[in-house]
Every structure is written in C-alpha cells, then in structure tokens.
C-alpha cells in the first residue's frame, strides 16, 4: 500500500519484490491483467516445451528466456494457455495420451517411446 498506493505494479521486478509473488505469478499478472506479453513457466509448460525441443533447460527462468527466443512475442500468452490446457488434457506427466496427440512428430518422448516399442 505504501509503495504503490494500492495499485498493482506491472513491472516484473516490482511484482517479484512483493512478498509471496514469484516469477510465474508475476508473469500471469502481467499477461492477464496488463496484457503485457509474458511467458508463464509452470510444470506443464516446462515439461512439454522440453519434449518439443524448445528448451533443454530445467530452470524456469532459463526456460522462459528460451521460449521468448523461439516463440513470436504476440503468441506468448496464448502459448501459456494452450500448453497448460494441453498438459492437463492430453500430455499428462504420468500417463500421456500419445494416441490422441497431434504433436507426436515433434515430441522427443514419443520418438523415444516408439524406439523402445
């Protein structure tokens, strides 16, 4: 209240300086409230982006940076929404529905699975 007069800041550094706000939450706020292009790296985005070869990183900040390089800026928010939905419905961590997936030709997990038979 004192620092921002009751207004939520839009700057990533100011947001992450707030108690309890990490980079993922800050990017959700920036993208959904302020409509600032942002990449939100949650467990689904991390897992699926690695499977698709967009990143080899494990660290969410590095994954965010990699995705910002390969995705068009005007698709960042949409990518987040689509990949999170995809990760909940098709590409679940424990039991992915590869038979229903339209991305198998790009997926390292699927290619490895097919090699093993």
C-alpha atoms as a PDB file:
ATOM      1  CA  UNK A   1       0.000   0.000   0.000  1.00  0.00           C
ATOM      2  CA  UNK A   2       2.743   2.430   0.958  1.00  0.00           C
ATOM      3  CA  UNK A   3       4.986   1.832  -2.017  1.00  0.00           C
ATOM      4  CA  UNK A   4       2.377   1.556  -4.808  1.00  0.00           C
ATOM      5  CA  UNK A   5      -0.604   3.408  -3.383  1.00  0.00           C
ATOM      6  CA  UNK A   6      -2.828   0.348  -3.546  1.00  0.00           C
ATOM      7  CA  UNK A   7      -2.145  -0.180  -7.255  1.00  0.00           C
ATOM      8  CA  UNK A   8      -0.675  -3.436  -8.505  1.00  0.00           C
ATOM      9  CA  UNK A   9       2.583  -2.711 -10.339  1.00  0.00           C
ATOM     10  CA  UNK A  10       3.101  -4.057 -13.862  1.00  0.00           C
ATOM     11  CA  UNK A  11       6.908  -4.234 -13.804  1.00  0.00           C
ATOM     12  CA  UNK A  12       8.297  -7.759 -13.382  1.00  0.00           C
ATOM     13  CA  UNK A  13      10.929  -6.658 -10.862  1.00  0.00           C
ATOM     14  CA  UNK A  14       8.423  -4.683  -8.792  1.00  0.00           C
ATOM     15  CA  UNK A  15       5.975  -7.593  -8.829  1.00  0.00           C
ATOM     16  CA  UNK A  16       8.538 -10.184  -7.775  1.00  0.00           C
ATOM     17  CA  UNK A  17       9.682  -7.862  -4.969  1.00  0.00           C
ATOM     18  CA  UNK A  18       6.241  -8.254  -3.393  1.00  0.00           C
ATOM     19  CA  UNK A  19       6.055 -10.882  -0.672  1.00  0.00           C
ATOM     20  CA  UNK A  20       4.732 -14.187  -1.997  1.00  0.00           C
ATOM     21  CA  UNK A  21       4.950 -13.217  -5.676  1.00  0.00           C
ATOM     22  CA  UNK A  22       7.335 -15.289  -7.753  1.00  0.00           C
ATOM     23  CA  UNK A  23       8.176 -15.008 -11.404  1.00  0.00           C
ATOM     24  CA  UNK A  24       5.352 -17.309 -12.533  1.00  0.00           C
ATOM     25  CA  UNK A  25       2.701 -15.315 -10.671  1.00  0.00           C
ATOM     26  CA  UNK A  26       4.224 -12.030 -11.840  1.00  0.00           C
ATOM     27  CA  UNK A  27       4.034 -13.171 -15.458  1.00  0.00           C
ATOM     28  CA  UNK A  28       0.418 -14.300 -15.024  1.00  0.00           C
ATOM     29  CA  UNK A  29      -0.429 -10.840 -13.673  1.00  0.00           C
ATOM     30  CA  UNK A  30       1.474  -9.070 -16.448  1.00  0.00           C
ATOM     31  CA  UNK A  31      -0.139 -11.157 -19.168  1.00  0.00           C
ATOM     32  CA  UNK A  32      -3.694 -11.420 -17.943  1.00  0.00           C
ATOM     33  CA  UNK A  33      -4.194  -8.085 -16.197  1.00  0.00           C
ATOM     34  CA  UNK A  34      -1.835  -5.725 -18.006  1.00  0.00           C
ATOM     35  CA  UNK A  35      -1.836  -7.569 -21.359  1.00  0.00           C
ATOM     36  CA  UNK A  36       1.948  -7.419 -21.459  1.00  0.00           C
ATOM     37  CA  UNK A  37       3.482 -10.258 -23.459  1.00  0.00           C
ATOM     38  CA  UNK A  38       4.836 -12.732 -20.928  1.00  0.00           C
ATOM     39  CA  UNK A  39       5.798 -16.372 -20.732  1.00  0.00           C
ATOM     40  CA  UNK A  40       4.477 -18.299 -17.748  1.00  0.00           C
ATOM     41  CA  UNK A  41       6.517 -21.390 -16.967  1.00  0.00           C
ATOM     42  CA  UNK A  42       4.547 -23.873 -14.924  1.00  0.00           C
ATOM     43  CA  UNK A  43       5.037 -27.632 -14.728  1.00  0.00           C
ATOM     44  CA  UNK A  44       3.130 -28.251 -17.986  1.00  0.00           C
ATOM     45  CA  UNK A  45       4.954 -25.557 -19.959  1.00  0.00           C
ATOM     46  CA  UNK A  46       8.291 -26.836 -18.656  1.00  0.00           C
ATOM     47  CA  UNK A  47       7.607 -30.495 -19.432  1.00  0.00           C
ATOM     48  CA  UNK A  48       6.031 -30.020 -22.858  1.00  0.00           C
ATOM     49  CA  UNK A  49       8.446 -27.330 -24.056  1.00  0.00           C
ATOM     50  CA  UNK A  50      11.288 -29.733 -23.302  1.00  0.00           C
ATOM     51  CA  UNK A  51       9.544 -32.594 -25.130  1.00  0.00           C
ATOM     52  CA  UNK A  52       9.041 -30.363 -28.172  1.00  0.00           C
ATOM     53  CA  UNK A  53      12.688 -29.283 -28.176  1.00  0.00           C
ATOM     54  CA  UNK A  54      12.066 -25.607 -27.419  1.00  0.00           C
ATOM     55  CA  UNK A  55      14.440 -25.823 -24.454  1.00  0.00           C
ATOM     56  CA  UNK A  56      16.789 -28.234 -22.750  1.00  0.00           C
ATOM     57  CA  UNK A  57      16.814 -26.272 -19.522  1.00  0.00           C
ATOM     58  CA  UNK A  58      15.362 -27.258 -16.140  1.00  0.00           C
ATOM     59  CA  UNK A  59      15.384 -23.809 -14.544  1.00  0.00           C
ATOM     60  CA  UNK A  60      12.092 -21.939 -15.159  1.00  0.00           C
ATOM     61  CA  UNK A  61      13.820 -18.592 -15.760  1.00  0.00           C
ATOM     62  CA  UNK A  62      16.085 -20.135 -18.410  1.00  0.00           C
ATOM     63  CA  UNK A  63      13.093 -21.907 -19.965  1.00  0.00           C
ATOM     64  CA  UNK A  64      11.248 -18.586 -20.053  1.00  0.00           C
ATOM     65  CA  UNK A  65      14.218 -16.986 -21.840  1.00  0.00           C
ATOM     66  CA  UNK A  66      14.440 -19.844 -24.355  1.00  0.00           C
ATOM     67  CA  UNK A  67      10.721 -19.663 -25.117  1.00  0.00           C
ATOM     68  CA  UNK A  68      10.944 -15.908 -25.599  1.00  0.00           C
ATOM     69  CA  UNK A  69      13.564 -16.565 -28.295  1.00  0.00           C
ATOM     70  CA  UNK A  70      11.619 -19.207 -30.249  1.00  0.00           C
ATOM     71  CA  UNK A  71       8.013 -18.042 -29.923  1.00  0.00           C
ATOM     72  CA  UNK A  72       6.616 -14.913 -31.574  1.00  0.00           C
ATOM     73  CA  UNK A  73       6.020 -12.291 -28.885  1.00  0.00           C
ATOM     74  CA  UNK A  74       2.334 -11.959 -29.767  1.00  0.00           C
ATOM     75  CA  UNK A  75       1.891 -15.703 -29.065  1.00  0.00           C
ATOM     76  CA  UNK A  76       3.480 -15.855 -25.605  1.00  0.00           C
ATOM     77  CA  UNK A  77       0.285 -15.591 -23.570  1.00  0.00           C
ATOM     78  CA  UNK A  78      -1.653 -17.842 -25.939  1.00  0.00           C
ATOM     79  CA  UNK A  79       1.132 -20.466 -25.788  1.00  0.00           C
ATOM     80  CA  UNK A  80       0.850 -20.497 -21.995  1.00  0.00           C
ATOM     81  CA  UNK A  81      -2.901 -21.054 -22.072  1.00  0.00           C
ATOM     82  CA  UNK A  82      -2.779 -23.675 -24.818  1.00  0.00           C
ATOM     83  CA  UNK A  83       0.127 -25.682 -23.391  1.00  0.00           C
ATOM     84  CA  UNK A  84      -1.313 -25.690 -19.877  1.00  0.00           C
ATOM     85  CA  UNK A  85      -4.640 -26.960 -21.244  1.00  0.00           C
ATOM     86  CA  UNK A  86      -2.845 -29.490 -23.455  1.00  0.00           C
ATOM     87  CA  UNK A  87      -0.803 -30.675 -20.460  1.00  0.00           C
ATOM     88  CA  UNK A  88      -3.937 -31.210 -18.384  1.00  0.00           C
ATOM     89  CA  UNK A  89      -5.944 -32.989 -21.063  1.00  0.00           C
ATOM     90  CA  UNK A  90      -3.534 -34.815 -23.388  1.00  0.00           C
ATOM     91  CA  UNK A  91       0.098 -34.697 -22.311  1.00  0.00           C
ATOM     92  CA  UNK A  92      -0.212 -35.500 -18.634  1.00  0.00           C
ATOM     93  CA  UNK A  93       3.046 -36.209 -16.823  1.00  0.00           C
ATOM     94  CA  UNK A  94       2.229 -39.713 -15.621  1.00  0.00           C
ATOM     95  CA  UNK A  95       0.038 -41.039 -18.398  1.00  0.00           C
ATOM     96  CA  UNK A  96       0.234 -39.015 -21.621  1.00  0.00           C
ATOM     97  CA  UNK A  97      -2.372 -39.806 -24.250  1.00  0.00           C
ATOM     98  CA  UNK A  98       0.085 -40.075 -27.141  1.00  0.00           C
ATOM     99  CA  UNK A  99      -2.530 -41.810 -29.297  1.00  0.00           C
ATOM    100  CA  UNK A 100      -4.623 -38.597 -29.156  1.00  0.00           C
ATOM    101  CA  UNK A 101      -1.723 -36.184 -29.643  1.00  0.00           C
ATOM    102  CA  UNK A 102      -1.260 -34.147 -32.807  1.00  0.00           C
ATOM    103  CA  UNK A 103       2.329 -33.215 -31.894  1.00  0.00           C
ATOM    104  CA  UNK A 104       3.922 -36.672 -31.846  1.00  0.00           C
ATOM    105  CA  UNK A 105       6.139 -35.938 -34.859  1.00  0.00           C
ATOM    106  CA  UNK A 106       7.864 -33.210 -32.788  1.00  0.00           C
ATOM    107  CA  UNK A 107       7.882 -34.979 -29.417  1.00  0.00           C
ATOM    108  CA  UNK A 108      11.120 -36.448 -28.078  1.00  0.00           C
ATOM    109  CA  UNK A 109       9.189 -38.564 -25.534  1.00  0.00           C
ATOM    110  CA  UNK A 110       7.033 -40.136 -28.243  1.00  0.00           C
ATOM    111  CA  UNK A 111      10.005 -40.771 -30.538  1.00  0.00           C
ATOM    112  CA  UNK A 112      11.884 -42.495 -27.709  1.00  0.00           C
ATOM    113  CA  UNK A 113       8.785 -44.485 -26.780  1.00  0.00           C
ATOM    114  CA  UNK A 114       8.438 -45.701 -30.383  1.00  0.00           C
ATOM    115  CA  UNK A 115      12.112 -46.752 -30.493  1.00  0.00           C
ATOM    116  CA  UNK A 116      11.577 -48.923 -27.416  1.00  0.00           C
ATOM    117  CA  UNK A 117       8.497 -50.452 -28.976  1.00  0.00           C
END
